[in-house]
Amino acid sequence: MKVSKMPKGNLCEFCEGKVERRVIQARVPFRGQTIYVDKVPARVCTKCGEPYFDAAVYKRLEEIAKHRRCIRKKVSFPLAAYDMALT
């Protein structure tokens, strides 16, 4: 799982946008699979959207991913190929 370090001075390390606390739906890639976790406390850049997680939150996301077989709710969404015809 990709993790960004907590920004210093509430500025994003990528675009220097303002970072604010939010509750988000986090995308968690883990061992070739991706899960989404609702209601995750995070800091998010208001300019580029980069999420930052406290260490305790990150560890919890890892544990959730390790126990993904226990997840009961599933969602589906459309998936397009990047090179698909747009006509």
C-alpha atoms as a PDB file:
ATOM      1  CA  MET A   1       0.000   0.000   0.000  1.00  0.00           C
ATOM      2  CA  LYS A   2       1.357   3.411  -0.956  1.00  0.00           C
ATOM      3  CA  VAL A   3       1.585   5.788   1.953  1.00  0.00           C
ATOM      4  CA  SER A   4       2.505   9.439   1.955  1.00  0.00           C
ATOM      5  CA  LYS A   5       4.312  10.852   4.963  1.00  0.00           C
ATOM      6  CA  MET A   6       2.365  13.302   7.076  1.00  0.00           C
ATOM      7  CA  PRO A   7       2.913  16.745   5.608  1.00  0.00           C
ATOM      8  CA  LYS A   8       4.851  19.337   7.556  1.00  0.00           C
ATOM      9  CA  GLY A   9       3.021  22.578   8.209  1.00  0.00           C
ATOM     10  CA  ASN A  10      -0.242  21.324   6.677  1.00  0.00           C
ATOM     11  CA  LEU A  11       1.119  21.593   3.128  1.00  0.00           C
ATOM     12  CA  CYS A  12       1.021  18.757   0.595  1.00  0.00           C
ATOM     13  CA  GLU A  13       4.435  17.299  -0.195  1.00  0.00           C
ATOM     14  CA  PHE A  14       3.481  16.995  -3.888  1.00  0.00           C
ATOM     15  CA  CYS A  15       1.781  20.268  -4.814  1.00  0.00           C
ATOM     16  CA  GLU A  16       2.081  22.380  -1.625  1.00  0.00           C
ATOM     17  CA  GLY A  17      -1.707  22.661  -1.430  1.00  0.00           C
ATOM     18  CA  LYS A  18      -3.442  23.023   1.922  1.00  0.00           C
ATOM     19  CA  VAL A  19      -4.055  19.749   3.789  1.00  0.00           C
ATOM     20  CA  GLU A  20      -7.167  19.393   5.935  1.00  0.00           C
ATOM     21  CA  ARG A  21      -8.733  16.685   8.074  1.00  0.00           C
ATOM     22  CA  ARG A  22     -11.529  14.682   6.461  1.00  0.00           C
ATOM     23  CA  VAL A  23     -13.253  11.334   6.680  1.00  0.00           C
ATOM     24  CA  ILE A  24     -12.826   9.541   3.365  1.00  0.00           C
ATOM     25  CA  GLN A  25     -13.322   6.321   1.483  1.00  0.00           C
ATOM     26  CA  ALA A  26      -9.761   4.980   1.248  1.00  0.00           C
ATOM     27  CA  ARG A  27      -8.478   2.857  -1.630  1.00  0.00           C
ATOM     28  CA  VAL A  28      -6.208   0.155  -0.204  1.00  0.00           C
ATOM     29  CA  PRO A  29      -4.117  -1.889  -2.669  1.00  0.00           C
ATOM     30  CA  PHE A  30      -2.871  -5.048  -0.974  1.00  0.00           C
ATOM     31  CA  ARG A  31      -1.166  -8.110  -2.479  1.00  0.00           C
ATOM     32  CA  GLY A  32      -2.470  -7.520  -5.989  1.00  0.00           C
ATOM     33  CA  GLN A  33      -6.017  -6.734  -4.886  1.00  0.00           C
ATOM     34  CA  THR A  34      -7.765  -3.498  -4.012  1.00  0.00           C
ATOM     35  CA  ILE A  35     -10.304  -2.925  -1.275  1.00  0.00           C
ATOM     36  CA  TYR A  36     -12.093   0.250  -0.288  1.00  0.00           C
ATOM     37  CA  VAL A  37     -12.641   1.220   3.330  1.00  0.00           C
ATOM     38  CA  ASP A  38     -15.337   3.726   4.312  1.00  0.00           C
ATOM     39  CA  LYS A  39     -15.176   6.329   7.058  1.00  0.00           C
ATOM     40  CA  VAL A  40     -11.381   6.530   7.307  1.00  0.00           C
ATOM     41  CA  PRO A  41      -9.921   9.529   9.160  1.00  0.00           C
ATOM     42  CA  ALA A  42      -7.294  11.183   6.985  1.00  0.00           C
ATOM     43  CA  ARG A  43      -5.722  14.434   5.979  1.00  0.00           C
ATOM     44  CA  VAL A  44      -6.379  15.303   2.337  1.00  0.00           C
ATOM     45  CA  CYS A  45      -4.826  17.927   0.076  1.00  0.00           C
ATOM     46  CA  THR A  46      -7.517  20.358  -1.074  1.00  0.00           C
ATOM     47  CA  LYS A  47      -5.610  20.941  -4.333  1.00  0.00           C
ATOM     48  CA  CYS A  48      -4.544  17.498  -5.617  1.00  0.00           C
ATOM     49  CA  GLY A  49      -6.489  15.145  -3.325  1.00  0.00           C
ATOM     50  CA  GLU A  50      -3.465  13.247  -1.983  1.00  0.00           C
ATOM     51  CA  PRO A  51      -4.501  11.427   1.234  1.00  0.00           C
ATOM     52  CA  TYR A  52      -2.257  11.200   4.295  1.00  0.00           C
ATOM     53  CA  PHE A  53      -2.853   8.750   7.154  1.00  0.00           C
ATOM     54  CA  ASP A  54      -1.644   8.768  10.750  1.00  0.00           C
ATOM     55  CA  ALA A  55       0.462   5.709  11.627  1.00  0.00           C
ATOM     56  CA  ALA A  56      -2.321   4.134  13.712  1.00  0.00           C
ATOM     57  CA  VAL A  57      -4.832   4.571  10.872  1.00  0.00           C
ATOM     58  CA  TYR A  58      -2.401   3.078   8.358  1.00  0.00           C
ATOM     59  CA  LYS A  59      -1.814   0.037  10.584  1.00  0.00           C
ATOM     60  CA  ARG A  60      -5.572  -0.426  10.936  1.00  0.00           C
ATOM     61  CA  LEU A  61      -5.992  -0.281   7.133  1.00  0.00           C
ATOM     62  CA  GLU A  62      -3.296  -2.957   6.773  1.00  0.00           C
ATOM     63  CA  GLU A  63      -5.085  -5.183   9.283  1.00  0.00           C
ATOM     64  CA  ILE A  64      -8.398  -4.717   7.487  1.00  0.00           C
ATOM     65  CA  ALA A  65      -6.711  -5.648   4.198  1.00  0.00           C
ATOM     66  CA  LYS A  66      -5.137  -8.759   5.759  1.00  0.00           C
ATOM     67  CA  HIS A  67      -8.591  -9.861   6.930  1.00  0.00           C
ATOM     68  CA  ARG A  68     -10.371  -8.941   3.689  1.00  0.00           C
ATOM     69  CA  ARG A  69     -12.082 -12.346   3.587  1.00  0.00           C
ATOM     70  CA  CYS A  70     -14.243 -11.131   6.481  1.00  0.00           C
ATOM     71  CA  ILE A  71     -15.599  -8.204   4.466  1.00  0.00           C
ATOM     72  CA  ARG A  72     -19.274  -8.856   3.767  1.00  0.00           C
ATOM     73  CA  LYS A  73     -20.316  -5.825   1.741  1.00  0.00           C
ATOM     74  CA  LYS A  74     -19.313  -5.729  -1.919  1.00  0.00           C
ATOM     75  CA  VAL A  75     -19.800  -2.972  -4.460  1.00  0.00           C
ATOM     76  CA  SER A  76     -19.422  -3.005  -8.207  1.00  0.00           C
ATOM     77  CA  PHE A  77     -18.563  -0.233 -10.617  1.00  0.00           C
ATOM     78  CA  PRO A  78     -18.017   0.213 -14.346  1.00  0.00           C
ATOM     79  CA  LEU A  79     -14.460  -0.462 -15.496  1.00  0.00           C
ATOM     80  CA  ALA A  80     -13.283   0.846 -18.847  1.00  0.00           C
ATOM     81  CA  ALA A  81     -10.070   0.075 -20.684  1.00  0.00           C
ATOM     82  CA  TYR A  82      -7.977   3.206 -21.216  1.00  0.00           C
ATOM     83  CA  ASP A  83      -7.558   2.471 -24.903  1.00  0.00           C
ATOM     84  CA  MET A  84     -11.254   1.756 -25.551  1.00  0.00           C
ATOM     85  CA  ALA A  85     -12.926   3.293 -28.594  1.00  0.00           C
ATOM     86  CA  LEU A  86     -14.792   6.486 -27.724  1.00  0.00           C
ATOM     87  CA  THR A  87     -17.036   6.658 -30.782  1.00  0.00           C
END
